[in-house]
Amino acid sequence: MKKSKILQTEARDFHLRHTLECGQFFRLRLIDGWYYINSRNKFFKVRQRDDVIEFQGVNPEYIRHFFSLDEPLDKILCSISREKHIENAVKKYYGLRIIRQDPWECLISYICSSASNIPRIRLCVERIAEKYGEETSLDGIEGNTFPGPDTGFDRKGLEKVRLGFRLRYVLEAGKRVDDPYLNSLRDLPYADAKKMLLQIDGVGDKVADCVLLFSLGFSEAFPVDRWIKRVMQDMYFKGRPTPNKAIHAFAREHFGPHAGYAQEYLYLYSRHGKGID
């Protein structure tokens, strides 16, 4: 097989590390300064040098789409920078962009996120890919494609993946959902698309909003997990215990149509505000 070349594309207002390590995406490995990324049937590597992205395994159009490089980030961040809290987060992590994930892989990944943490989620998703996906490689690094909804998950096979209580939800999603169904949600208003996702067993408010934000283009979605709940209560509700629905409603009103970007900046700021440079 002919080895693909290392390509380049300009990437202004972009920070690769913040984008990949903010918890929105799970199938990546950092090896010798390169991020090796599996996304559905793609396997590629990428690194950043100033305002240039170097990559191998996919074409420039895919890179620009995957990392949302066509989005006017400066305008988006200006629109959400309403006060000092979000301004501080934006200043520290400027360049973080929302990744455009494959909807099916995103759905399964976030079903696996229930009552879990990032290392555990990554392990679950990788085990599914190893069990049901196809082997692939790049520069001698092995990877696996992510199985599509037509793969036919089976209980015995998923038991070997060790998903715990999430097994039945992954199994049910494989029976009820396909690519055309998920892609059709893009044409609906946000509330209607979320309502449809909530009909899938194992999909609650947070998982639905993650799928809407990270794969279906609904930048107004504002997932609320325990980290976001904590930071929102501390920064915007004077430390008072506040229901998730109230936090969600406030965030969409306060930050506007790009509330999802505010969520990612606040998430990273709350978890690593003193750690990632």
Protein backbone atom coordinates (compact mmCIF):
# COMPACT_ATOMS: atom_id res chain seq x y z
CA MET A 1 0.00 0.00 0.00
CA LYS A 2 1.34 3.42 -0.97
CA LYS A 3 2.09 5.57 2.04
CA SER A 4 0.11 8.80 2.16
CA LYS A 5 1.94 12.10 2.40
CA ILE A 6 1.96 14.43 5.36
CA LEU A 7 -0.27 17.35 4.37
CA GLN A 8 -0.79 20.81 5.82
CA THR A 9 -3.62 23.28 6.20
CA GLU A 10 -3.83 26.70 7.77
CA ALA A 11 -5.63 26.83 11.10
CA ARG A 12 -5.95 30.29 12.61
CA ASP A 13 -7.75 30.80 15.93
CA PHE A 14 -7.25 27.12 16.72
CA HIS A 15 -5.62 25.19 19.55
CA LEU A 16 -5.35 21.49 18.81
CA ARG A 17 -4.53 20.33 22.33
CA HIS A 18 -7.36 22.22 24.01
CA THR A 19 -9.79 20.95 21.36
CA LEU A 20 -8.79 17.31 21.70
CA GLU A 21 -8.26 17.19 25.46
CA CYS A 22 -11.36 19.00 26.69
CA GLY A 23 -13.36 15.79 27.04
CA GLN A 24 -15.63 16.07 24.02
CA PHE A 25 -13.94 13.28 22.02
CA PHE A 26 -12.55 9.95 23.18
CA ARG A 27 -10.72 7.95 20.51
CA LEU A 28 -7.28 9.57 20.44
CA ARG A 29 -3.73 8.73 21.46
CA LEU A 30 -0.72 11.03 21.74
CA ILE A 31 2.38 9.30 20.34
CA ASP A 32 5.68 11.07 19.65
CA GLY A 33 4.05 14.47 19.37
CA TRP A 34 1.26 13.30 17.05
CA TYR A 35 -2.38 12.72 17.96
CA TYR A 36 -3.56 9.47 16.37
CA ILE A 37 -7.31 9.69 15.93
CA ASN A 38 -9.91 7.05 15.15
CA SER A 39 -13.29 8.41 14.06
CA ARG A 40 -15.79 5.92 12.62
CA ASN A 41 -13.96 4.58 9.54
CA LYS A 42 -11.15 7.15 9.56
CA PHE A 43 -7.70 6.74 11.11
CA PHE A 44 -5.36 9.70 10.89
CA LYS A 45 -2.67 11.56 12.76
CA VAL A 46 -2.42 15.28 13.37
CA ARG A 47 -0.21 17.85 15.07
CA GLN A 48 -0.04 21.64 15.17
CA ARG A 49 2.83 23.99 14.46
CA ASP A 50 1.78 27.59 15.15
CA ASP A 51 -1.09 28.36 12.73
CA VAL A 52 -0.54 25.24 10.62
CA ILE A 53 -1.95 21.74 11.09
CA GLU A 54 0.05 18.83 9.76
CA PHE A 55 -1.83 15.60 9.19
CA GLN A 56 -1.78 12.26 7.42
CA GLY A 57 -4.47 9.74 6.53
CA VAL A 58 -7.29 12.08 5.46
CA ASN A 59 -7.71 15.02 3.10
CA PRO A 60 -7.71 18.75 3.99
CA GLU A 61 -11.47 19.04 3.57
CA TYR A 62 -12.01 16.37 6.21
CA ILE A 63 -9.65 18.08 8.65
CA ARG A 64 -11.34 21.45 8.21
CA HIS A 65 -14.76 19.87 8.70
CA PHE A 66 -13.76 17.67 11.66
CA PHE A 67 -12.21 20.54 13.61
CA SER A 68 -14.85 23.12 12.56
CA LEU A 69 -12.17 25.33 11.04
CA ASP A 70 -14.81 26.98 8.84
CA GLU A 71 -16.53 28.42 11.93
CA PRO A 72 -15.84 32.14 12.72
CA LEU A 73 -14.47 31.38 16.17
CA ASP A 74 -13.65 34.97 17.07
CA LYS A 75 -17.25 36.05 16.47
CA ILE A 76 -18.61 33.05 18.34
CA LEU A 77 -16.45 33.72 21.38
CA CYS A 78 -17.29 37.41 21.32
CA SER A 79 -20.98 36.51 21.39
CA ILE A 80 -20.65 34.35 24.52
CA SER A 81 -18.19 36.57 26.43
CA ARG A 82 -20.83 38.31 28.52
CA GLU A 83 -18.93 38.71 31.81
CA LYS A 84 -15.67 37.99 33.60
CA HIS A 85 -16.21 34.28 34.24
CA ILE A 86 -16.53 33.20 30.64
CA GLU A 87 -14.04 35.88 29.54
CA ASN A 88 -11.40 34.30 31.79
CA ALA A 89 -12.11 30.84 30.39
CA VAL A 90 -12.01 32.08 26.79
CA LYS A 91 -8.77 33.95 27.39
CA LYS A 92 -7.04 30.90 28.87
CA TYR A 93 -8.29 28.34 26.34
CA TYR A 94 -8.73 30.42 23.20
CA GLY A 95 -8.72 28.24 20.11
CA LEU A 96 -10.82 25.40 21.50
CA ARG A 97 -13.34 24.38 18.83
CA ILE A 98 -16.25 21.96 18.78
CA ILE A 99 -15.34 18.75 16.96
CA ARG A 100 -17.85 17.51 14.39
CA GLN A 101 -18.13 13.87 15.35
CA ASP A 102 -19.87 11.02 13.62
CA PRO A 103 -23.40 11.00 15.14
CA TRP A 104 -23.63 7.23 15.65
CA GLU A 105 -20.22 6.91 17.28
CA CYS A 106 -20.96 9.99 19.36
CA LEU A 107 -24.26 8.51 20.55
CA ILE A 108 -22.70 5.23 21.65
CA SER A 109 -19.73 7.01 23.25
CA TYR A 110 -21.98 9.18 25.39
CA ILE A 111 -24.28 6.32 26.31
CA CYS A 112 -21.08 4.74 27.65
CA SER A 113 -20.37 7.96 29.58
CA SER A 114 -23.22 7.44 32.03
CA ALA A 115 -21.89 7.31 35.61
CA SER A 116 -18.35 7.08 34.31
CA ASN A 117 -15.15 9.06 33.73
CA ILE A 118 -13.05 9.81 30.65
CA PRO A 119 -10.53 6.93 31.01
CA ARG A 120 -13.37 4.47 31.53
CA ILE A 121 -15.36 5.86 28.59
CA ARG A 122 -12.32 5.60 26.31
CA LEU A 123 -11.79 2.00 27.40
CA CYS A 124 -15.42 1.05 26.71
CA VAL A 125 -15.47 2.68 23.28
CA GLU A 126 -12.14 1.15 22.28
CA ARG A 127 -13.31 -2.30 23.37
CA ILE A 128 -16.42 -1.96 21.20
CA ALA A 129 -14.22 -0.98 18.24
CA GLU A 130 -11.84 -3.88 18.89
CA LYS A 131 -14.73 -6.35 19.14
CA TYR A 132 -16.86 -5.21 16.21
CA GLY A 133 -14.74 -2.87 14.09
CA GLU A 134 -12.14 -3.56 11.42
CA GLU A 135 -8.40 -3.42 12.01
CA THR A 136 -6.50 -0.52 10.47
CA SER A 137 -3.01 0.92 10.80
CA LEU A 138 -0.99 4.05 10.19
CA ASP A 139 2.81 4.24 10.48
CA GLY A 140 2.82 0.90 12.24
CA ILE A 141 0.27 2.12 14.82
CA GLU A 142 -2.73 -0.18 15.04
CA GLY A 143 -6.31 1.00 15.32
CA ASN A 144 -9.89 -0.09 14.69
CA THR A 145 -12.79 1.44 12.84
CA PHE A 146 -15.95 2.02 14.84
CA PRO A 147 -18.78 -0.39 13.91
CA GLY A 148 -21.84 1.13 12.28
CA PRO A 149 -25.43 0.66 13.47
CA ASP A 150 -25.87 -2.14 10.93
CA THR A 151 -23.16 -4.23 12.62
CA GLY A 152 -25.61 -6.17 14.73
CA PHE A 153 -24.53 -5.89 18.35
CA ASP A 154 -25.23 -9.05 20.31
CA ARG A 155 -25.52 -9.51 24.06
CA LYS A 156 -22.84 -12.19 24.28
CA GLY A 157 -20.36 -10.06 22.37
CA LEU A 158 -21.10 -6.93 24.37
CA GLU A 159 -20.70 -8.84 27.63
CA LYS A 160 -17.07 -9.41 26.63
CA VAL A 161 -16.68 -5.64 26.23
CA ARG A 162 -17.63 -5.23 29.91
CA LEU A 163 -20.00 -2.28 29.64
CA GLY A 164 -21.80 -3.01 32.86
CA PHE A 165 -25.35 -1.60 33.10
CA ARG A 166 -24.72 0.33 29.85
CA LEU A 167 -24.84 -2.91 27.86
CA ARG A 168 -28.60 -2.97 27.45
CA TYR A 169 -28.65 0.66 26.30
CA VAL A 170 -25.98 0.08 23.65
CA LEU A 171 -27.82 -3.05 22.53
CA GLU A 172 -31.12 -1.15 22.31
CA ALA A 173 -29.56 1.73 20.37
CA GLY A 174 -28.21 -0.75 17.86
CA LYS A 175 -31.73 -2.04 17.28
CA ARG A 176 -33.53 1.33 17.09
CA VAL A 177 -31.13 3.80 15.49
CA ASP A 178 -29.38 4.10 12.15
CA ASP A 179 -27.40 6.77 10.31
CA PRO A 180 -30.32 8.22 8.28
CA TYR A 181 -32.37 8.59 11.46
CA LEU A 182 -29.64 10.48 13.29
CA ASN A 183 -28.83 12.69 10.31
CA SER A 184 -32.53 13.56 9.90
CA LEU A 185 -32.46 15.22 13.32
CA ARG A 186 -30.29 18.01 11.89
CA ASP A 187 -33.36 19.38 10.09
CA LEU A 188 -35.45 19.68 13.26
CA PRO A 189 -35.59 22.54 15.77
CA TYR A 190 -33.36 21.95 18.78
CA ALA A 191 -36.22 21.05 21.16
CA ASP A 192 -37.72 18.54 18.72
CA ALA A 193 -34.37 16.89 17.96
CA LYS A 194 -33.67 16.54 21.67
CA LYS A 195 -37.12 15.05 22.26
CA MET A 196 -36.42 12.39 19.64
CA LEU A 197 -33.08 11.47 21.21
CA LEU A 198 -34.65 11.22 24.67
CA GLN A 199 -36.89 8.44 23.38
CA ILE A 200 -33.81 6.19 23.11
CA ASP A 201 -33.24 4.10 26.25
CA GLY A 202 -30.15 5.25 28.10
CA VAL A 203 -30.28 8.77 26.70
CA GLY A 204 -31.00 11.44 29.28
CA ASP A 205 -30.71 15.23 29.09
CA LYS A 206 -26.91 15.33 29.26
CA VAL A 207 -26.31 12.57 26.71
CA ALA A 208 -28.86 14.07 24.33
CA ASP A 209 -27.27 17.50 24.54
CA CYS A 210 -23.79 16.03 24.00
CA VAL A 211 -24.94 14.27 20.83
CA LEU A 212 -26.70 17.42 19.61
CA LEU A 213 -23.69 19.64 20.29
CA PHE A 214 -20.81 17.39 19.27
CA SER A 215 -22.25 15.67 16.21
CA LEU A 216 -25.46 17.24 14.92
CA GLY A 217 -24.58 20.93 14.75
CA PHE A 218 -26.79 22.28 17.54
CA SER A 219 -24.39 24.80 19.08
CA GLU A 220 -27.11 26.05 21.43
CA ALA A 221 -27.07 22.70 23.28
CA PHE A 222 -25.60 23.00 26.79
CA PRO A 223 -24.83 19.61 28.40
CA VAL A 224 -24.95 19.72 32.19
CA ASP A 225 -22.80 17.18 34.04
CA ARG A 226 -21.45 17.33 37.59
CA TRP A 227 -18.51 19.54 36.60
CA ILE A 228 -20.65 22.06 34.73
CA LYS A 229 -23.26 21.98 37.49
CA ARG A 230 -20.59 22.83 40.05
CA VAL A 231 -18.97 25.64 38.07
CA MET A 232 -22.31 27.16 37.05
CA GLN A 233 -23.57 27.14 40.64
CA ASP A 234 -20.35 28.73 41.89
CA MET A 235 -20.07 31.35 39.16
CA TYR A 236 -23.67 32.23 38.33
CA PHE A 237 -25.88 31.12 41.22
CA LYS A 238 -23.83 32.34 44.21
CA GLY A 239 -23.08 28.77 45.23
CA ARG A 240 -26.73 27.85 45.68
CA PRO A 241 -27.84 24.29 44.79
CA THR A 242 -29.60 24.64 41.45
CA PRO A 243 -31.53 22.04 39.40
CA ASN A 244 -29.95 21.00 36.11
CA LYS A 245 -32.93 22.26 34.13
CA ALA A 246 -32.59 25.72 35.64
CA ILE A 247 -28.87 25.78 34.83
CA HIS A 248 -29.58 24.66 31.29
CA ALA A 249 -32.29 27.29 30.76
CA PHE A 250 -30.11 30.06 32.20
CA ALA A 251 -27.12 29.08 30.06
CA ARG A 252 -29.05 29.06 26.79
CA GLU A 253 -30.56 32.44 27.60
CA HIS A 254 -27.33 33.97 28.94
CA PHE A 255 -24.89 32.71 26.31
CA GLY A 256 -27.24 32.62 23.33
CA PRO A 257 -27.10 30.47 20.18
CA HIS A 258 -23.52 29.34 20.86
CA ALA A 259 -24.06 28.29 24.48
CA GLY A 260 -22.36 24.97 23.68
CA TYR A 261 -19.07 26.75 23.16
CA ALA A 262 -19.43 28.39 26.56
CA GLN A 263 -20.04 24.95 28.05
CA GLU A 264 -16.78 23.56 26.67
CA TYR A 265 -14.70 26.54 27.76
CA LEU A 266 -16.21 26.50 31.24
CA TYR A 267 -15.78 22.73 31.48
CA LEU A 268 -12.08 22.90 30.66
CA TYR A 269 -11.62 25.92 32.90
CA SER A 270 -13.34 24.24 35.84
CA ARG A 271 -11.32 21.05 35.53
CA HIS A 272 -7.92 22.31 34.43
CA GLY A 273 -7.92 26.05 34.97
CA LYS A 274 -4.55 25.82 36.65
CA GLY A 275 -3.21 22.88 34.67
CA ILE A 276 -3.25 23.17 30.88
CA ASP A 277 -1.30 26.00 29.23
